[in-house]
Structures are given as structure tokens and as C-alpha cells.
Amino acid sequence: MKIIKTTALLKEGLDKMKKWRPFASMPEQYIGLQEVINKQLEVPQPLLTEEQMEQINFTLIEALHTNKQVYLTYYKKGQCITEKGFIQFVDSLGNLFVFIDEVFELKNKMKLSELIDVRFT
């Protein structure tokens, strides 16, 4: 009877204990390691030719007028990001455009200079 109680108490105590995670025990080190990994994944912003910029401009305007869904690829913080959405506003002179993403349906203002590619879905 005494053995059963001791075993039950040990099991209960183990259930309440947290597992030791070596990298999570020092959050500053974990954050530093994550920053190093992110730096290694960074890529330089691709340079576009005049033809590519012109094609992007035509696609943006067509998507705006026809309300067709597009894949937008843009450069942000060392990464090339692709999202699906709808173009809502384009201002060539002001170097900005507004698109609504498909997932959260949020309006996103971006610079035209950050765009890398625009394609119809």
C-alpha cells in the first residue's frame, strides 16, 4: 500500500515538472541565435530593368481596372515575400500602391519601388 502511494506521489510530482529546454533557458541567447539565422537568410534587393518595371506597371493598372486577383512579390527587410490579393489603388507619381491581401483582407500600403513582380493568378 505504501509503495503505491509513493509511486502515485512521484508520478504526480513529475507531471507538474517542466521539461528542461537548454536553448529556452537563456532567452537572450535564443534571440541572438535567431538574429544570426535571419541575417544569413537575407538577400539583396533585386534590380529591375526598364522593361520589367513597365510590365509591372501595366499589370497593376489592368488588375486595378478589372479587379482581378494577383500574386505580388515584394522586397521587405532582406526577404522576397509573395502574397495573393487585389489592387485597390495605384499612384505612380507618389510611388505607392494599396492592395488588399487575400488571407486577412487588410489594406496594405507599399512603395512601388519595393515591388519585384506582379502576376495574375
C-alpha atoms as a PDB file:
ATOM      1  CA  MET A   1       0.000   0.000   0.000  1.00  0.00           C
ATOM      2  CA  LYS A   2       2.819   2.370   0.908  1.00  0.00           C
ATOM      3  CA  ILE A   3       4.608   1.652  -2.396  1.00  0.00           C
ATOM      4  CA  ILE A   4       1.511   2.538  -4.405  1.00  0.00           C
ATOM      5  CA  LYS A   5       1.137   5.879  -2.587  1.00  0.00           C
ATOM      6  CA  THR A   6       4.831   6.741  -3.117  1.00  0.00           C
ATOM      7  CA  THR A   7       4.643   5.869  -6.813  1.00  0.00           C
ATOM      8  CA  ALA A   8       1.485   7.942  -7.215  1.00  0.00           C
ATOM      9  CA  LEU A   9       3.125  10.921  -5.474  1.00  0.00           C
ATOM     10  CA  LEU A  10       6.228  10.635  -7.668  1.00  0.00           C
ATOM     11  CA  LYS A  11       4.110  10.450 -10.815  1.00  0.00           C
ATOM     12  CA  GLU A  12       2.084  13.477  -9.700  1.00  0.00           C
ATOM     13  CA  GLY A  13       5.291  15.409  -8.989  1.00  0.00           C
ATOM     14  CA  LEU A  14       6.751  14.544 -12.422  1.00  0.00           C
ATOM     15  CA  ASP A  15       3.577  15.648 -14.170  1.00  0.00           C
ATOM     16  CA  LYS A  16       3.906  19.097 -12.582  1.00  0.00           C
ATOM     17  CA  MET A  17       7.599  19.484 -13.506  1.00  0.00           C
ATOM     18  CA  LYS A  18       8.526  21.266 -16.705  1.00  0.00           C
ATOM     19  CA  LYS A  19      10.949  19.711 -19.126  1.00  0.00           C
ATOM     20  CA  TRP A  20      14.333  21.345 -19.376  1.00  0.00           C
ATOM     21  CA  ARG A  21      14.896  23.076 -22.686  1.00  0.00           C
ATOM     22  CA  PRO A  22      18.531  24.167 -22.955  1.00  0.00           C
ATOM     23  CA  PHE A  23      18.099  26.952 -25.528  1.00  0.00           C
ATOM     24  CA  ALA A  24      14.931  28.324 -23.957  1.00  0.00           C
ATOM     25  CA  SER A  25      16.602  28.604 -20.550  1.00  0.00           C
ATOM     26  CA  MET A  26      18.566  31.638 -21.755  1.00  0.00           C
ATOM     27  CA  PRO A  27      16.168  33.782 -23.798  1.00  0.00           C
ATOM     28  CA  GLU A  28      18.859  36.360 -24.676  1.00  0.00           C
ATOM     29  CA  GLN A  29      20.978  33.667 -26.284  1.00  0.00           C
ATOM     30  CA  TYR A  30      17.986  32.287 -28.169  1.00  0.00           C
ATOM     31  CA  ILE A  31      17.139  35.760 -29.511  1.00  0.00           C
ATOM     32  CA  GLY A  32      20.761  36.284 -30.553  1.00  0.00           C
ATOM     33  CA  LEU A  33      20.869  32.946 -32.376  1.00  0.00           C
ATOM     34  CA  GLN A  34      17.620  33.756 -34.178  1.00  0.00           C
ATOM     35  CA  GLU A  35      19.061  37.102 -35.327  1.00  0.00           C
ATOM     36  CA  VAL A  36      22.157  35.378 -36.721  1.00  0.00           C
ATOM     37  CA  ILE A  37      19.994  32.859 -38.603  1.00  0.00           C
ATOM     38  CA  ASN A  38      17.797  35.654 -40.014  1.00  0.00           C
ATOM     39  CA  LYS A  39      20.877  37.616 -41.167  1.00  0.00           C
ATOM     40  CA  GLN A  40      22.119  34.577 -43.068  1.00  0.00           C
ATOM     41  CA  LEU A  41      18.781  34.264 -44.885  1.00  0.00           C
ATOM     42  CA  GLU A  42      18.786  37.890 -46.091  1.00  0.00           C
ATOM     43  CA  VAL A  43      19.097  38.551 -49.821  1.00  0.00           C
ATOM     44  CA  PRO A  44      19.898  41.822 -51.604  1.00  0.00           C
ATOM     45  CA  GLN A  45      17.021  43.612 -53.327  1.00  0.00           C
ATOM     46  CA  PRO A  46      16.804  42.524 -56.984  1.00  0.00           C
ATOM     47  CA  LEU A  47      17.335  45.257 -59.567  1.00  0.00           C
ATOM     48  CA  LEU A  48      14.655  45.509 -62.249  1.00  0.00           C
ATOM     49  CA  THR A  49      15.114  46.514 -65.873  1.00  0.00           C
ATOM     50  CA  GLU A  50      13.000  49.207 -67.516  1.00  0.00           C
ATOM     51  CA  GLU A  51      11.008  46.501 -69.308  1.00  0.00           C
ATOM     52  CA  GLN A  52      10.240  44.685 -66.065  1.00  0.00           C
ATOM     53  CA  MET A  53       9.121  47.908 -64.372  1.00  0.00           C
ATOM     54  CA  GLU A  54       6.932  48.763 -67.348  1.00  0.00           C
ATOM     55  CA  GLN A  55       5.356  45.283 -67.320  1.00  0.00           C
ATOM     56  CA  ILE A  56       4.668  45.578 -63.580  1.00  0.00           C
ATOM     57  CA  ASN A  57       3.021  48.961 -64.171  1.00  0.00           C
ATOM     58  CA  PHE A  58       0.753  47.579 -66.935  1.00  0.00           C
ATOM     59  CA  THR A  59      -0.201  44.564 -64.822  1.00  0.00           C
ATOM     60  CA  LEU A  60      -1.001  46.776 -61.812  1.00  0.00           C
ATOM     61  CA  ILE A  61      -3.235  49.057 -63.857  1.00  0.00           C
ATOM     62  CA  GLU A  62      -5.025  46.133 -65.517  1.00  0.00           C
ATOM     63  CA  ALA A  63      -5.549  44.442 -62.141  1.00  0.00           C
ATOM     64  CA  LEU A  64      -6.911  47.694 -60.728  1.00  0.00           C
ATOM     65  CA  HIS A  65      -9.436  48.191 -63.529  1.00  0.00           C
ATOM     66  CA  THR A  66     -10.545  44.566 -63.890  1.00  0.00           C
ATOM     67  CA  ASN A  67     -10.419  43.737 -60.160  1.00  0.00           C
ATOM     68  CA  LYS A  68      -8.515  40.515 -60.913  1.00  0.00           C
ATOM     69  CA  GLN A  69      -6.561  38.772 -58.190  1.00  0.00           C
ATOM     70  CA  VAL A  70      -2.755  38.945 -58.439  1.00  0.00           C
ATOM     71  CA  TYR A  71       0.373  37.471 -56.883  1.00  0.00           C
ATOM     72  CA  LEU A  72       2.543  40.299 -55.584  1.00  0.00           C
ATOM     73  CA  THR A  73       6.211  39.668 -54.911  1.00  0.00           C
ATOM     74  CA  TYR A  74       7.914  42.437 -52.965  1.00  0.00           C
ATOM     75  CA  TYR A  75      11.122  43.048 -51.063  1.00  0.00           C
ATOM     76  CA  LYS A  76      10.981  43.788 -47.348  1.00  0.00           C
ATOM     77  CA  LYS A  77      13.688  43.590 -44.669  1.00  0.00           C
ATOM     78  CA  GLY A  78      16.027  41.373 -46.668  1.00  0.00           C
ATOM     79  CA  GLN A  79      13.367  38.946 -47.882  1.00  0.00           C
ATOM     80  CA  CYS A  80      11.319  38.450 -51.037  1.00  0.00           C
ATOM     81  CA  ILE A  81       7.699  37.928 -49.997  1.00  0.00           C
ATOM     82  CA  THR A  82       4.829  36.761 -52.225  1.00  0.00           C
ATOM     83  CA  GLU A  83       1.201  37.424 -51.336  1.00  0.00           C
ATOM     84  CA  LYS A  84      -2.110  36.996 -53.095  1.00  0.00           C
ATOM     85  CA  GLY A  85      -4.517  39.912 -53.200  1.00  0.00           C
ATOM     86  CA  PHE A  86      -6.368  42.639 -55.058  1.00  0.00           C
ATOM     87  CA  ILE A  87      -5.023  46.013 -56.174  1.00  0.00           C
ATOM     88  CA  GLN A  88      -7.123  48.865 -54.801  1.00  0.00           C
ATOM     89  CA  PHE A  89      -5.135  52.000 -55.652  1.00  0.00           C
ATOM     90  CA  VAL A  90      -2.040  52.903 -57.701  1.00  0.00           C
ATOM     91  CA  ASP A  91      -0.225  56.254 -57.564  1.00  0.00           C
ATOM     92  CA  SER A  92       2.719  56.232 -59.975  1.00  0.00           C
ATOM     93  CA  LEU A  93       3.759  59.782 -59.162  1.00  0.00           C
ATOM     94  CA  GLY A  94       3.581  59.218 -55.412  1.00  0.00           C
ATOM     95  CA  ASN A  95       5.420  55.875 -55.772  1.00  0.00           C
ATOM     96  CA  LEU A  96       2.832  53.916 -53.811  1.00  0.00           C
ATOM     97  CA  PHE A  97       0.021  51.441 -54.213  1.00  0.00           C
ATOM     98  CA  VAL A  98      -2.590  49.837 -51.985  1.00  0.00           C
ATOM     99  CA  PHE A  99      -3.550  46.189 -52.115  1.00  0.00           C
ATOM    100  CA  ILE A 100      -5.903  44.024 -50.067  1.00  0.00           C
ATOM    101  CA  ASP A 101      -4.420  40.676 -49.084  1.00  0.00           C
ATOM    102  CA  GLU A 102      -6.483  37.544 -49.549  1.00  0.00           C
ATOM    103  CA  VAL A 103      -5.879  35.988 -46.125  1.00  0.00           C
ATOM    104  CA  PHE A 104      -6.736  38.777 -43.666  1.00  0.00           C
ATOM    105  CA  GLU A 105      -8.415  41.185 -46.122  1.00  0.00           C
ATOM    106  CA  LEU A 106      -6.279  44.044 -44.792  1.00  0.00           C
ATOM    107  CA  LYS A 107      -5.274  47.124 -46.756  1.00  0.00           C
ATOM    108  CA  ASN A 108      -1.528  47.330 -47.248  1.00  0.00           C
ATOM    109  CA  LYS A 109       0.216  50.489 -48.445  1.00  0.00           C
ATOM    110  CA  MET A 110       3.504  49.844 -50.184  1.00  0.00           C
ATOM    111  CA  LYS A 111       6.068  51.657 -52.283  1.00  0.00           C
ATOM    112  CA  LEU A 112       6.184  50.768 -55.960  1.00  0.00           C
ATOM    113  CA  SER A 113       9.969  50.564 -55.640  1.00  0.00           C
ATOM    114  CA  GLU A 114       9.575  47.558 -53.295  1.00  0.00           C
ATOM    115  CA  LEU A 115       7.720  45.544 -55.959  1.00  0.00           C
ATOM    116  CA  ILE A 116       9.655  42.785 -57.686  1.00  0.00           C
ATOM    117  CA  ASP A 117       6.902  41.048 -59.657  1.00  0.00           C
ATOM    118  CA  VAL A 118       3.145  41.123 -60.247  1.00  0.00           C
ATOM    119  CA  ARG A 119       1.317  38.260 -61.944  1.00  0.00           C
ATOM    120  CA  PHE A 120      -2.297  37.272 -62.397  1.00  0.00           C
ATOM    121  CA  THR A 121      -3.440  34.178 -60.516  1.00  0.00           C
END
